[in-house]
Amino acid sequence: MKELDKDAFKWLEQMAPNTWVKAFFSEFPKCDILMNNSCEVFNKYILEARELPILSMITKIKEQLMTRIYNKQKDVMEKWPGPVCPKIRKKILRNSEWANLLLCVTCW
């Protein structure tokens, strides 16, 4: 590096080695989902469809994904206690308490 570009070498020399030297990189993943694992799961999921002609394959994958999304949404909706999702419900309750406090302060 020093022979190829002295300016680049000086610039890298000012940085900590763990930011640019592969030997110092962490072995732990930086995210929850590993891309390779996601691809393998998807490929296993579409195994039946892969043997079909292209248009049939695309239709089959579309049907599988639509069914999966629908079932996941249905499962989540069954767990909700009311017509509004829990996160939004919590925000509404917090804001309504704040509005009540504000109303009480202005009434005095």
Protein backbone atom coordinates (compact mmCIF):
# COMPACT_ATOMS: atom_id res chain seq x y z
CA MET A 1 0.00 0.00 0.00
CA LYS A 2 2.81 2.35 0.92
CA GLU A 3 4.48 1.83 -2.46
CA LEU A 4 1.24 2.17 -4.47
CA ASP A 5 -0.18 5.32 -2.85
CA LYS A 6 1.60 7.18 -0.06
CA ASP A 7 -1.39 9.46 0.63
CA ALA A 8 -3.72 6.51 1.07
CA PHE A 9 -1.19 4.85 3.38
CA LYS A 10 -0.94 8.00 5.53
CA TRP A 11 -4.73 8.29 5.67
CA LEU A 12 -5.15 4.65 6.75
CA GLU A 13 -2.31 4.97 9.25
CA GLN A 14 -4.34 7.59 11.14
CA MET A 15 -7.28 5.18 11.59
CA ALA A 16 -7.61 2.38 14.11
CA PRO A 17 -6.69 -0.99 12.56
CA ASN A 18 -10.02 -2.59 13.55
CA THR A 19 -11.81 -0.26 11.10
CA TRP A 20 -9.93 -1.41 8.00
CA VAL A 21 -7.71 -4.48 8.66
CA LYS A 22 -9.57 -7.76 8.14
CA ALA A 23 -7.50 -9.50 10.81
CA PHE A 24 -9.02 -7.18 13.43
CA PHE A 25 -12.67 -7.52 12.30
CA SER A 26 -15.11 -9.01 14.76
CA GLU A 27 -16.32 -12.55 14.08
CA PHE A 28 -19.79 -11.77 15.44
CA PRO A 29 -22.58 -10.90 12.99
CA LYS A 30 -23.65 -7.26 12.81
CA CYS A 31 -27.37 -7.97 12.30
CA ASP A 32 -30.04 -10.40 13.46
CA ILE A 33 -30.70 -11.98 10.08
CA LEU A 34 -27.89 -13.60 8.16
CA MET A 35 -28.39 -13.25 4.43
CA ASN A 36 -27.15 -16.74 3.63
CA ASN A 37 -29.60 -18.31 6.05
CA SER A 38 -32.50 -16.29 4.61
CA CYS A 39 -31.62 -17.45 1.08
CA GLU A 40 -31.45 -21.08 2.17
CA VAL A 41 -34.82 -20.87 3.90
CA PHE A 42 -36.40 -19.23 0.84
CA ASN A 43 -34.90 -21.84 -1.51
CA LYS A 44 -36.26 -24.67 0.66
CA TYR A 45 -39.64 -22.93 0.79
CA ILE A 46 -39.93 -22.79 -3.01
CA LEU A 47 -38.50 -26.26 -3.65
CA GLU A 48 -41.71 -27.63 -5.21
CA ALA A 49 -42.18 -24.57 -7.43
CA ARG A 50 -38.63 -24.68 -8.79
CA GLU A 51 -39.39 -27.78 -10.84
CA LEU A 52 -42.29 -26.10 -12.68
CA PRO A 53 -42.13 -24.07 -15.92
CA ILE A 54 -41.27 -20.39 -15.34
CA LEU A 55 -44.79 -18.90 -15.35
CA SER A 56 -46.19 -21.71 -13.22
CA MET A 57 -43.23 -21.35 -10.87
CA ILE A 58 -43.80 -17.62 -10.43
CA THR A 59 -47.53 -18.17 -9.85
CA LYS A 60 -46.83 -20.93 -7.29
CA ILE A 61 -44.30 -18.78 -5.40
CA LYS A 62 -46.74 -15.86 -5.43
CA GLU A 63 -49.50 -18.06 -4.01
CA GLN A 64 -47.19 -19.45 -1.32
CA LEU A 65 -46.03 -16.00 -0.25
CA MET A 66 -49.55 -14.54 -0.25
CA THR A 67 -50.80 -17.45 1.87
CA ARG A 68 -47.89 -17.06 4.28
CA ILE A 69 -48.40 -13.30 4.64
CA TYR A 70 -52.15 -13.75 5.17
CA ASN A 71 -51.62 -16.45 7.83
CA LYS A 72 -49.00 -14.38 9.65
CA GLN A 73 -51.28 -11.31 9.69
CA LYS A 74 -54.20 -13.43 10.89
CA ASP A 75 -52.10 -14.86 13.73
CA VAL A 76 -51.01 -11.39 14.82
CA MET A 77 -54.53 -10.00 14.63
CA GLU A 78 -55.87 -12.82 16.83
CA LYS A 79 -53.41 -11.82 19.56
CA TRP A 80 -54.46 -8.15 19.57
CA PRO A 81 -56.84 -7.22 22.37
CA GLY A 82 -58.81 -4.70 20.30
CA PRO A 83 -59.20 -3.05 16.90
CA VAL A 84 -55.93 -1.08 17.28
CA CYS A 85 -52.48 -2.66 17.48
CA PRO A 86 -50.82 -2.61 20.93
CA LYS A 87 -48.08 -0.12 20.06
CA ILE A 88 -50.51 2.47 18.68
CA ARG A 89 -52.93 1.79 21.57
CA LYS A 90 -50.14 2.59 24.04
CA LYS A 91 -49.40 5.88 22.24
CA ILE A 92 -53.08 6.83 22.24
CA LEU A 93 -53.39 6.13 25.98
CA ARG A 94 -50.24 8.14 26.73
CA ASN A 95 -51.45 11.07 24.63
CA SER A 96 -54.94 10.95 26.16
CA GLU A 97 -53.42 11.05 29.68
CA TRP A 98 -51.28 14.00 28.62
CA ALA A 99 -54.33 15.74 27.11
CA ASN A 100 -56.28 15.20 30.36
CA LEU A 101 -53.44 16.72 32.39
CA LEU A 102 -53.24 19.66 30.01
CA LEU A 103 -57.02 20.12 30.20
CA CYS A 104 -56.95 20.05 34.01
CA VAL A 105 -54.17 22.65 34.16
CA THR A 106 -56.02 25.03 31.83
CA CYS A 107 -59.28 24.63 33.81
CA TRP A 108 -57.73 26.06 36.97
